[in-house]
């Protein structure tokens, strides 16, 4: 990944190598790599070949325990799902997205439910963050949490809510089951 001028970085992000750049402020060198020392915005001076990180006055959004997030489901396995957070407490994240995990025990109410019954890859969910480190652990065990927008697994058309946990595809007629949030977008 190529770091651009103005990109938001966090401590530990690799910005480039000492062969490419001269060290500026708020960066350090480790094993030939230039690494951000703070949360901030990348500043590149192409004339001097210098890279630095400028502190941001308003800290960027980073998920914290208790935050309500929106995330897209990337992958669903039998016991956990991998998601990418794109909104925190209603505010859009610009730049770096955050990895998260939804474990089956934080999604189901009874033992007979599988994670595949509750969410699918491509779904957008609303969840609560239950820790403060990457990968962020999520829960959807509250009525306002769960799937807020789902796509048909056959034709990728948005699904309409027709029941408590049932969705319907107007295009192909598929009826699907999900853990639907009370905030579902299409009713």
N, C-alpha and C. Protein backbone atom coordinates (compact mmCIF):
# COMPACT_ATOMS: atom_id res chain seq x y z
N UNK A 1 0.85 -1.19 0.00
CA UNK A 1 0.00 0.00 0.00
C UNK A 1 0.89 1.24 0.00
N UNK A 2 0.59 2.18 -0.84
CA UNK A 2 1.36 3.41 -0.97
C UNK A 2 0.72 4.50 -0.11
N UNK A 3 1.49 5.07 0.80
CA UNK A 3 1.00 6.15 1.66
C UNK A 3 0.99 7.44 0.86
N UNK A 4 -0.11 8.18 0.95
CA UNK A 4 -0.25 9.44 0.23
C UNK A 4 -0.24 10.61 1.20
N UNK A 5 0.10 11.77 0.68
CA UNK A 5 0.04 13.01 1.46
C UNK A 5 -1.39 13.19 1.96
N UNK A 6 -1.56 13.44 3.26
CA UNK A 6 -2.88 13.67 3.83
C UNK A 6 -3.54 12.43 4.41
N UNK A 7 -2.95 11.24 4.18
CA UNK A 7 -3.52 10.01 4.74
C UNK A 7 -3.49 10.06 6.26
N UNK A 8 -4.50 9.46 6.88
CA UNK A 8 -4.54 9.35 8.34
C UNK A 8 -3.80 8.07 8.72
N UNK A 9 -2.90 8.18 9.70
CA UNK A 9 -2.14 7.03 10.18
C UNK A 9 -2.23 6.94 11.70
N UNK A 10 -1.93 5.75 12.20
CA UNK A 10 -1.91 5.53 13.64
C UNK A 10 -0.51 5.04 14.03
N UNK A 11 -0.17 5.08 15.33
CA UNK A 11 1.16 4.61 15.73
C UNK A 11 1.43 3.19 15.23
N UNK A 12 2.62 3.01 14.64
CA UNK A 12 3.00 1.70 14.13
C UNK A 12 2.79 1.52 12.65
N UNK A 13 2.04 2.42 12.00
CA UNK A 13 1.85 2.32 10.55
C UNK A 13 3.16 2.58 9.83
N UNK A 14 3.47 1.74 8.85
CA UNK A 14 4.68 1.91 8.04
C UNK A 14 4.37 2.92 6.94
N UNK A 15 5.23 3.96 6.85
CA UNK A 15 5.02 5.03 5.88
C UNK A 15 5.90 4.89 4.64
N UNK A 16 6.97 4.17 4.75
CA UNK A 16 7.90 4.01 3.64
C UNK A 16 9.22 3.48 4.16
N UNK A 17 10.28 3.67 3.36
CA UNK A 17 11.61 3.19 3.77
C UNK A 17 12.59 4.36 3.80
N UNK A 18 13.72 4.13 4.47
CA UNK A 18 14.74 5.19 4.55
C UNK A 18 15.41 5.42 3.21
N UNK A 19 15.27 4.47 2.28
CA UNK A 19 15.78 4.69 0.92
C UNK A 19 14.92 5.70 0.17
N UNK A 20 13.63 5.80 0.52
CA UNK A 20 12.70 6.70 -0.17
C UNK A 20 12.67 8.10 0.45
N UNK A 21 12.73 8.16 1.78
CA UNK A 21 12.44 9.41 2.49
C UNK A 21 13.46 9.73 3.57
N UNK A 22 13.53 11.01 3.90
CA UNK A 22 14.27 11.50 5.06
C UNK A 22 13.25 11.61 6.19
N UNK A 23 13.67 11.26 7.40
CA UNK A 23 12.75 11.31 8.53
C UNK A 23 12.40 12.74 8.92
N UNK A 24 11.11 12.99 9.08
CA UNK A 24 10.62 14.27 9.56
C UNK A 24 10.14 14.12 11.00
N UNK A 25 9.15 14.94 11.36
CA UNK A 25 8.62 14.92 12.73
C UNK A 25 7.65 13.77 12.95
N UNK A 26 7.64 13.25 14.18
CA UNK A 26 6.69 12.24 14.65
C UNK A 26 6.78 10.91 13.89
N UNK A 27 7.97 10.60 13.38
CA UNK A 27 8.23 9.31 12.75
C UNK A 27 9.55 8.77 13.29
N UNK A 28 9.76 7.48 13.15
CA UNK A 28 11.03 6.89 13.53
C UNK A 28 11.37 5.77 12.55
N UNK A 29 12.63 5.36 12.57
CA UNK A 29 13.10 4.31 11.67
C UNK A 29 13.31 3.04 12.48
N UNK A 30 12.84 1.91 11.91
CA UNK A 30 13.06 0.61 12.51
C UNK A 30 13.28 -0.39 11.40
N UNK A 31 14.44 -1.03 11.39
CA UNK A 31 14.80 -2.01 10.35
C UNK A 31 14.62 -1.46 8.93
N UNK A 32 14.96 -0.20 8.74
CA UNK A 32 14.90 0.41 7.42
C UNK A 32 13.54 0.96 7.04
N UNK A 33 12.52 0.75 7.89
CA UNK A 33 11.18 1.26 7.60
C UNK A 33 10.93 2.53 8.42
N UNK A 34 10.19 3.44 7.82
CA UNK A 34 9.79 4.67 8.52
C UNK A 34 8.39 4.43 9.08
N UNK A 35 8.25 4.65 10.41
CA UNK A 35 7.03 4.28 11.11
C UNK A 35 6.47 5.51 11.84
N UNK A 36 5.12 5.62 11.81
CA UNK A 36 4.44 6.71 12.50
C UNK A 36 4.55 6.52 14.01
N UNK A 37 4.80 7.62 14.70
CA UNK A 37 4.92 7.62 16.15
C UNK A 37 3.61 8.06 16.81
N UNK A 38 2.73 8.75 16.05
CA UNK A 38 1.49 9.31 16.61
C UNK A 38 0.31 9.06 15.66
N UNK A 39 -0.88 9.37 16.14
CA UNK A 39 -2.07 9.43 15.29
C UNK A 39 -2.02 10.78 14.60
N UNK A 40 -2.10 10.77 13.29
CA UNK A 40 -2.03 12.04 12.59
C UNK A 40 -2.18 11.91 11.09
N UNK A 41 -1.84 12.99 10.40
CA UNK A 41 -1.96 13.10 8.95
C UNK A 41 -0.56 13.13 8.34
N UNK A 42 -0.34 12.33 7.30
CA UNK A 42 0.96 12.24 6.64
C UNK A 42 1.25 13.53 5.88
N UNK A 43 2.47 14.05 6.06
CA UNK A 43 2.94 15.23 5.32
C UNK A 43 4.16 14.81 4.51
N UNK A 44 4.09 14.99 3.20
CA UNK A 44 5.19 14.63 2.32
C UNK A 44 5.71 15.89 1.64
N UNK A 45 7.00 16.14 1.81
CA UNK A 45 7.68 17.24 1.12
C UNK A 45 8.53 16.60 0.03
N UNK A 46 8.01 16.64 -1.20
CA UNK A 46 8.70 15.97 -2.32
C UNK A 46 10.01 16.65 -2.68
N UNK A 47 10.09 17.96 -2.48
CA UNK A 47 11.33 18.68 -2.80
C UNK A 47 12.48 18.23 -1.90
N UNK A 48 12.21 18.11 -0.59
CA UNK A 48 13.23 17.70 0.37
C UNK A 48 13.25 16.19 0.57
N UNK A 49 12.30 15.44 -0.05
CA UNK A 49 12.16 13.99 0.11
C UNK A 49 11.98 13.62 1.58
N UNK A 50 11.17 14.44 2.28
CA UNK A 50 10.96 14.27 3.72
C UNK A 50 9.52 13.83 3.98
N UNK A 51 9.37 12.88 4.92
CA UNK A 51 8.04 12.43 5.32
C UNK A 51 7.89 12.61 6.83
N UNK A 52 6.73 13.14 7.23
CA UNK A 52 6.47 13.35 8.65
C UNK A 52 4.99 13.13 8.91
N UNK A 53 4.61 13.17 10.18
CA UNK A 53 3.21 13.03 10.56
C UNK A 53 2.84 14.22 11.42
N UNK A 54 1.78 14.91 10.98
CA UNK A 54 1.29 16.08 11.70
C UNK A 54 0.15 15.65 12.61
N UNK A 55 0.22 16.05 13.88
CA UNK A 55 -0.83 15.69 14.85
C UNK A 55 -2.15 16.32 14.41
N UNK A 56 -3.21 15.55 14.54
CA UNK A 56 -4.54 16.04 14.20
C UNK A 56 -5.15 16.66 15.44
N UNK A 57 -5.72 17.84 15.27
CA UNK A 57 -6.33 18.51 16.42
C UNK A 57 -7.53 17.73 16.93
N UNK A 58 -8.40 17.31 16.04
CA UNK A 58 -9.52 16.44 16.41
C UNK A 58 -9.09 15.02 16.10
N UNK A 59 -8.97 14.19 17.13
CA UNK A 59 -8.49 12.83 16.94
C UNK A 59 -9.44 12.07 16.01
N UNK A 60 -8.88 11.22 15.16
CA UNK A 60 -9.73 10.43 14.25
C UNK A 60 -10.58 9.43 15.03
N UNK A 61 -11.63 8.97 14.40
CA UNK A 61 -12.51 7.99 15.01
C UNK A 61 -11.82 6.64 15.12
N UNK A 62 -11.78 6.13 16.32
CA UNK A 62 -11.25 4.79 16.58
C UNK A 62 -12.26 4.10 17.48
N UNK A 63 -12.68 2.88 17.13
CA UNK A 63 -13.68 2.20 17.95
C UNK A 63 -13.22 2.00 19.39
N UNK A 64 -14.18 2.18 20.30
CA UNK A 64 -13.93 1.95 21.73
C UNK A 64 -15.04 1.05 22.27
N UNK A 65 -14.76 0.41 23.38
CA UNK A 65 -15.75 -0.45 24.02
C UNK A 65 -17.04 0.33 24.26
N UNK A 66 -18.18 -0.24 23.85
CA UNK A 66 -19.48 0.41 24.03
C UNK A 66 -19.97 1.17 22.82
N UNK A 67 -19.09 1.47 21.85
CA UNK A 67 -19.51 2.20 20.65
C UNK A 67 -20.46 1.35 19.81
N UNK A 68 -21.40 2.02 19.14
CA UNK A 68 -22.27 1.36 18.16
C UNK A 68 -21.65 1.62 16.80
N UNK A 69 -21.41 0.54 16.06
CA UNK A 69 -20.74 0.66 14.77
C UNK A 69 -21.60 0.08 13.66
N UNK A 70 -21.26 0.44 12.43
CA UNK A 70 -21.80 -0.23 11.25
C UNK A 70 -20.63 -0.88 10.56
N UNK A 71 -20.84 -2.10 10.09
CA UNK A 71 -19.77 -2.85 9.44
C UNK A 71 -20.34 -3.71 8.32
N UNK A 72 -19.49 -4.02 7.36
CA UNK A 72 -19.87 -4.93 6.28
C UNK A 72 -19.26 -6.29 6.57
N UNK A 73 -20.06 -7.33 6.39
CA UNK A 73 -19.62 -8.70 6.64
C UNK A 73 -18.78 -9.17 5.45
N UNK A 74 -17.53 -9.53 5.71
CA UNK A 74 -16.63 -10.01 4.65
C UNK A 74 -16.69 -11.52 4.50
N UNK A 75 -16.77 -12.24 5.62
CA UNK A 75 -16.65 -13.68 5.60
C UNK A 75 -17.40 -14.25 6.80
N UNK A 76 -18.15 -15.32 6.57
CA UNK A 76 -18.86 -15.98 7.67
C UNK A 76 -18.39 -17.43 7.76
N UNK A 77 -17.95 -17.83 8.93
CA UNK A 77 -17.56 -19.21 9.20
C UNK A 77 -18.53 -19.79 10.22
N UNK A 78 -18.33 -21.01 10.62
CA UNK A 78 -19.28 -21.63 11.54
C UNK A 78 -19.30 -20.97 12.92
N UNK A 79 -18.14 -20.52 13.42
CA UNK A 79 -18.11 -19.97 14.77
C UNK A 79 -17.81 -18.47 14.85
N UNK A 80 -17.41 -17.83 13.75
CA UNK A 80 -17.19 -16.39 13.77
C UNK A 80 -17.30 -15.80 12.36
N UNK A 81 -17.47 -14.48 12.32
CA UNK A 81 -17.51 -13.76 11.05
C UNK A 81 -16.48 -12.64 11.10
N UNK A 82 -15.90 -12.34 9.95
CA UNK A 82 -14.95 -11.23 9.82
C UNK A 82 -15.68 -10.06 9.18
N UNK A 83 -15.51 -8.87 9.77
CA UNK A 83 -16.20 -7.68 9.28
C UNK A 83 -15.23 -6.51 9.20
N UNK A 84 -15.65 -5.48 8.47
CA UNK A 84 -14.87 -4.24 8.38
C UNK A 84 -15.77 -3.09 8.82
N UNK A 85 -15.33 -2.36 9.85
CA UNK A 85 -16.10 -1.25 10.40
C UNK A 85 -15.94 -0.02 9.50
N UNK A 86 -17.07 0.63 9.15
CA UNK A 86 -16.99 1.84 8.33
C UNK A 86 -17.71 3.04 8.96
N UNK A 87 -18.38 2.83 10.09
CA UNK A 87 -19.08 3.92 10.77
C UNK A 87 -19.03 3.67 12.27
N UNK A 88 -18.76 4.74 13.04
CA UNK A 88 -18.72 4.63 14.50
C UNK A 88 -19.65 5.69 15.09
N UNK A 89 -20.60 5.24 15.90
CA UNK A 89 -21.59 6.14 16.52
C UNK A 89 -22.20 7.11 15.51
N UNK A 90 -22.53 6.60 14.33
CA UNK A 90 -23.17 7.40 13.30
C UNK A 90 -22.25 8.26 12.45
N UNK A 91 -20.95 8.25 12.75
CA UNK A 91 -19.99 9.07 12.00
C UNK A 91 -19.19 8.19 11.05
N UNK A 92 -19.14 8.60 9.78
CA UNK A 92 -18.40 7.88 8.75
C UNK A 92 -16.90 7.91 9.02
N UNK A 93 -16.23 6.78 8.83
CA UNK A 93 -14.77 6.72 8.97
C UNK A 93 -14.17 7.01 7.61
N UNK A 94 -13.27 7.96 7.55
CA UNK A 94 -12.57 8.26 6.30
C UNK A 94 -11.15 7.74 6.41
N UNK A 95 -10.67 7.12 5.38
CA UNK A 95 -9.32 6.58 5.41
C UNK A 95 -9.32 5.15 5.88
N UNK A 96 -8.55 4.87 6.89
CA UNK A 96 -8.34 3.50 7.36
C UNK A 96 -9.60 2.90 7.98
N UNK A 97 -9.95 1.70 7.58
CA UNK A 97 -11.07 0.95 8.15
C UNK A 97 -10.52 0.01 9.22
N UNK A 98 -11.41 -0.52 10.04
CA UNK A 98 -10.98 -1.36 11.16
C UNK A 98 -11.55 -2.77 11.03
N UNK A 99 -10.70 -3.76 11.27
CA UNK A 99 -11.11 -5.17 11.25
C UNK A 99 -11.86 -5.49 12.53
N UNK A 100 -12.85 -6.37 12.39
CA UNK A 100 -13.60 -6.78 13.57
C UNK A 100 -14.07 -8.22 13.42
N UNK A 101 -14.44 -8.80 14.55
CA UNK A 101 -14.88 -10.20 14.61
C UNK A 101 -16.21 -10.26 15.36
N UNK A 102 -17.13 -11.04 14.82
CA UNK A 102 -18.39 -11.34 15.51
C UNK A 102 -18.37 -12.84 15.80
N UNK A 103 -18.25 -13.19 17.08
CA UNK A 103 -18.23 -14.60 17.47
C UNK A 103 -19.67 -15.08 17.65
N UNK A 104 -19.91 -16.35 17.35
CA UNK A 104 -21.25 -16.93 17.43
C UNK A 104 -21.90 -16.70 18.80
N UNK A 105 -21.11 -16.75 19.88
CA UNK A 105 -21.67 -16.57 21.22
C UNK A 105 -22.16 -15.14 21.45
N UNK A 106 -21.70 -14.20 20.64
CA UNK A 106 -22.15 -12.80 20.75
C UNK A 106 -23.22 -12.47 19.72
N UNK A 107 -23.76 -13.50 19.07
CA UNK A 107 -24.76 -13.27 18.03
C UNK A 107 -26.05 -14.05 18.25
N UNK A 108 -25.95 -15.24 18.79
CA UNK A 108 -27.16 -16.07 18.89
C UNK A 108 -27.75 -16.07 20.30
N UNK A 109 -29.07 -16.28 20.33
CA UNK A 109 -29.78 -16.37 21.61
C UNK A 109 -29.98 -17.83 22.04
N UNK A 110 -30.04 -18.74 21.07
CA UNK A 110 -30.20 -20.16 21.44
C UNK A 110 -29.22 -21.02 20.65
N UNK A 111 -28.94 -22.20 21.19
CA UNK A 111 -27.92 -23.09 20.64
C UNK A 111 -28.24 -23.60 19.25
N UNK A 112 -29.51 -23.60 18.84
CA UNK A 112 -29.88 -24.16 17.54
C UNK A 112 -29.54 -23.21 16.38
N UNK A 113 -29.34 -21.92 16.67
CA UNK A 113 -29.00 -20.95 15.62
C UNK A 113 -27.54 -21.09 15.21
N UNK A 114 -27.28 -21.03 13.91
CA UNK A 114 -25.91 -20.99 13.42
C UNK A 114 -25.62 -19.56 12.96
N UNK A 115 -24.37 -19.23 12.84
CA UNK A 115 -24.01 -17.88 12.38
C UNK A 115 -24.50 -17.66 10.95
N UNK A 116 -24.53 -18.74 10.15
CA UNK A 116 -25.02 -18.63 8.77
C UNK A 116 -26.52 -18.33 8.72
N UNK A 117 -27.26 -18.65 9.79
CA UNK A 117 -28.69 -18.31 9.88
C UNK A 117 -28.87 -16.81 10.18
N UNK A 118 -27.88 -16.20 10.81
CA UNK A 118 -28.02 -14.84 11.34
C UNK A 118 -27.49 -13.75 10.42
N UNK A 119 -26.38 -14.01 9.75
CA UNK A 119 -25.76 -13.02 8.85
C UNK A 119 -25.16 -13.73 7.64
N UNK A 120 -24.94 -12.95 6.57
CA UNK A 120 -24.31 -13.48 5.36
C UNK A 120 -23.26 -12.49 4.88
N UNK A 121 -22.31 -12.97 4.10
CA UNK A 121 -21.29 -12.10 3.50
C UNK A 121 -21.99 -11.03 2.67
N UNK A 122 -21.55 -9.79 2.81
CA UNK A 122 -22.15 -8.67 2.08
C UNK A 122 -23.19 -7.90 2.89
N UNK A 123 -23.69 -8.50 3.98
CA UNK A 123 -24.66 -7.80 4.83
C UNK A 123 -24.00 -6.61 5.52
N UNK A 124 -24.80 -5.60 5.79
CA UNK A 124 -24.35 -4.48 6.61
C UNK A 124 -25.04 -4.63 7.95
N UNK A 125 -24.24 -4.63 9.02
CA UNK A 125 -24.81 -4.81 10.36
C UNK A 125 -24.52 -3.62 11.25
N UNK A 126 -25.36 -3.49 12.26
CA UNK A 126 -25.13 -2.55 13.34
C UNK A 126 -24.79 -3.41 14.56
N UNK A 127 -23.69 -3.08 15.25
CA UNK A 127 -23.24 -3.89 16.37
C UNK A 127 -22.62 -3.00 17.44
N UNK A 128 -22.42 -3.58 18.61
CA UNK A 128 -21.75 -2.89 19.71
C UNK A 128 -20.35 -3.47 19.87
N UNK A 129 -19.36 -2.58 20.07
CA UNK A 129 -17.98 -3.00 20.30
C UNK A 129 -17.86 -3.44 21.76
N UNK A 130 -17.25 -4.61 21.99
CA UNK A 130 -17.14 -5.11 23.36
C UNK A 130 -15.70 -5.17 23.87
N UNK A 131 -14.75 -4.64 23.09
CA UNK A 131 -13.35 -4.51 23.56
C UNK A 131 -12.73 -3.29 22.89
N UNK A 132 -11.50 -2.99 23.21
CA UNK A 132 -10.87 -1.79 22.65
C UNK A 132 -9.55 -2.05 21.94
N UNK A 133 -9.38 -3.26 21.40
CA UNK A 133 -8.17 -3.60 20.66
C UNK A 133 -8.53 -4.29 19.35
N UNK A 134 -7.60 -4.24 18.38
CA UNK A 134 -7.81 -4.89 17.08
C UNK A 134 -7.47 -6.37 17.20
N UNK A 135 -8.24 -7.30 16.63
CA UNK A 135 -9.50 -7.05 15.95
C UNK A 135 -10.61 -6.79 16.96
N UNK A 136 -11.45 -5.81 16.67
CA UNK A 136 -12.51 -5.43 17.58
C UNK A 136 -13.56 -6.54 17.65
N UNK A 137 -13.96 -6.90 18.86
CA UNK A 137 -14.99 -7.91 19.08
C UNK A 137 -16.35 -7.20 19.11
N UNK A 138 -17.33 -7.81 18.46
CA UNK A 138 -18.66 -7.20 18.34
C UNK A 138 -19.73 -8.10 18.94
N UNK A 139 -20.88 -7.48 19.26
CA UNK A 139 -22.07 -8.23 19.65
C UNK A 139 -23.28 -7.66 18.92
N UNK A 140 -24.24 -8.54 18.61
CA UNK A 140 -25.52 -8.10 18.04
C UNK A 140 -26.67 -8.61 18.89
N UNK A 141 -26.42 -8.85 20.18
CA UNK A 141 -27.43 -9.41 21.08
C UNK A 141 -28.27 -8.33 21.77
N UNK A 142 -28.72 -7.35 21.00
CA UNK A 142 -29.63 -6.31 21.48
C UNK A 142 -30.62 -6.06 20.36
N UNK A 143 -31.87 -5.67 20.66
CA UNK A 143 -32.90 -5.53 19.62
C UNK A 143 -32.54 -4.53 18.50
N UNK A 144 -31.83 -3.45 18.85
CA UNK A 144 -31.50 -2.46 17.82
C UNK A 144 -30.28 -2.86 17.00
N UNK A 145 -29.64 -3.98 17.37
CA UNK A 145 -28.45 -4.44 16.67
C UNK A 145 -28.79 -5.60 15.75
N UNK A 146 -27.97 -5.79 14.74
CA UNK A 146 -28.17 -6.88 13.78
C UNK A 146 -28.05 -6.34 12.37
N UNK A 147 -28.61 -7.08 11.43
CA UNK A 147 -28.53 -6.71 10.01
C UNK A 147 -29.40 -5.49 9.74
N UNK A 148 -28.83 -4.45 9.12
CA UNK A 148 -29.59 -3.26 8.75
C UNK A 148 -29.81 -3.18 7.25
N UNK A 149 -29.05 -3.95 6.48
CA UNK A 149 -29.26 -4.05 5.04
C UNK A 149 -28.65 -5.36 4.56
N UNK A 150 -29.44 -6.14 3.81
CA UNK A 150 -28.97 -7.42 3.30
C UNK A 150 -29.22 -7.50 1.80
N UNK A 151 -28.37 -8.25 1.14
CA UNK A 151 -28.51 -8.49 -0.29
C UNK A 151 -28.85 -9.95 -0.52
N UNK A 152 -29.62 -10.21 -1.57
CA UNK A 152 -30.00 -11.57 -1.94
C UNK A 152 -28.75 -12.37 -2.28
N UNK A 153 -28.68 -13.61 -1.78
CA UNK A 153 -27.52 -14.46 -2.07
C UNK A 153 -27.53 -14.96 -3.52
N UNK A 154 -28.68 -14.91 -4.18
CA UNK A 154 -28.77 -15.35 -5.58
C UNK A 154 -28.49 -14.23 -6.57
N UNK A 155 -29.16 -13.07 -6.41
CA UNK A 155 -29.07 -12.02 -7.43
C UNK A 155 -28.48 -10.70 -6.93
N UNK A 156 -28.09 -10.64 -5.64
CA UNK A 156 -27.47 -9.45 -5.02
C UNK A 156 -28.40 -8.24 -5.00
N UNK A 157 -29.69 -8.43 -5.13
CA UNK A 157 -30.69 -7.36 -5.02
C UNK A 157 -30.95 -7.10 -3.53
N UNK A 158 -31.19 -5.84 -3.11
CA UNK A 158 -31.50 -5.57 -1.71
C UNK A 158 -32.77 -6.32 -1.27
N UNK A 159 -32.73 -6.86 -0.05
CA UNK A 159 -33.86 -7.61 0.48
C UNK A 159 -34.78 -6.74 1.31
N UNK A 160 -36.08 -6.99 1.20
CA UNK A 160 -37.09 -6.24 1.95
C UNK A 160 -37.53 -7.06 3.16
N UNK A 161 -37.71 -6.40 4.29
CA UNK A 161 -38.14 -7.07 5.52
C UNK A 161 -39.62 -7.44 5.40
N UNK A 162 -39.95 -8.73 5.67
CA UNK A 162 -41.34 -9.17 5.62
C UNK A 162 -41.82 -9.79 6.93
N UNK A 163 -40.92 -9.99 7.86
CA UNK A 163 -41.27 -10.58 9.15
C UNK A 163 -40.18 -10.25 10.15
N UNK A 164 -40.34 -10.77 11.38
CA UNK A 164 -39.38 -10.45 12.43
C UNK A 164 -37.94 -10.73 12.01
N UNK A 165 -37.69 -11.89 11.46
CA UNK A 165 -36.35 -12.24 11.00
C UNK A 165 -36.35 -12.78 9.57
N UNK A 166 -37.32 -12.33 8.77
CA UNK A 166 -37.41 -12.81 7.39
C UNK A 166 -37.30 -11.66 6.41
N UNK A 167 -36.61 -11.96 5.30
CA UNK A 167 -36.39 -10.98 4.23
C UNK A 167 -36.82 -11.59 2.91
N UNK A 168 -37.24 -10.74 1.97
CA UNK A 168 -37.77 -11.18 0.70
C UNK A 168 -37.10 -10.43 -0.44
N UNK A 169 -36.74 -11.17 -1.50
CA UNK A 169 -36.16 -10.56 -2.70
C UNK A 169 -37.26 -10.37 -3.74
N UNK A 170 -37.53 -9.11 -4.09
CA UNK A 170 -38.55 -8.80 -5.10
C UNK A 170 -38.16 -9.29 -6.49
N UNK A 171 -36.86 -9.39 -6.74
CA UNK A 171 -36.38 -9.76 -8.07
C UNK A 171 -36.49 -11.26 -8.35
N UNK A 172 -35.99 -12.11 -7.42
CA UNK A 172 -35.99 -13.56 -7.69
C UNK A 172 -36.93 -14.35 -6.79
N UNK A 173 -37.55 -13.70 -5.79
CA UNK A 173 -38.51 -14.37 -4.93
C UNK A 173 -37.93 -15.13 -3.75
N UNK A 174 -36.63 -15.07 -3.55
CA UNK A 174 -35.99 -15.77 -2.44
C UNK A 174 -36.46 -15.20 -1.10
N UNK A 175 -36.73 -16.09 -0.15
CA UNK A 175 -37.03 -15.67 1.22
C UNK A 175 -35.84 -16.11 2.07
N UNK A 176 -35.25 -15.15 2.79
CA UNK A 176 -34.06 -15.42 3.59
C UNK A 176 -34.28 -15.10 5.05
N UNK A 177 -33.44 -15.70 5.89
CA UNK A 177 -33.52 -15.49 7.33
C UNK A 177 -32.25 -14.76 7.77
N UNK A 178 -32.40 -13.78 8.67
CA UNK A 178 -31.26 -13.05 9.25
C UNK A 178 -31.65 -12.59 10.65
N UNK A 179 -30.65 -12.17 11.46
CA UNK A 179 -30.91 -11.48 12.73
C UNK A 179 -31.09 -10.01 12.35
N UNK A 180 -32.32 -9.57 12.21
CA UNK A 180 -32.63 -8.25 11.68
C UNK A 180 -32.72 -7.23 12.81
N UNK A 181 -32.06 -6.10 12.61
CA UNK A 181 -32.13 -4.97 13.54
C UNK A 181 -33.49 -4.30 13.42
N UNK A 182 -33.95 -3.66 14.51
CA UNK A 182 -35.18 -2.87 14.42
C UNK A 182 -34.96 -1.65 13.52
N UNK A 183 -33.72 -1.37 13.19
CA UNK A 183 -33.36 -0.24 12.30
C UNK A 183 -33.17 -0.67 10.85
N UNK A 184 -33.71 -1.84 10.44
CA UNK A 184 -33.53 -2.33 9.08
C UNK A 184 -34.01 -1.28 8.08
N UNK A 185 -33.27 -1.08 7.01
CA UNK A 185 -33.51 0.04 6.08
C UNK A 185 -34.68 -0.15 5.12
N UNK A 186 -34.99 -1.38 4.72
CA UNK A 186 -36.04 -1.60 3.72
C UNK A 186 -37.18 -2.42 4.30
N UNK A 187 -38.31 -1.76 4.56
CA UNK A 187 -39.48 -2.49 5.08
C UNK A 187 -40.60 -2.44 4.09
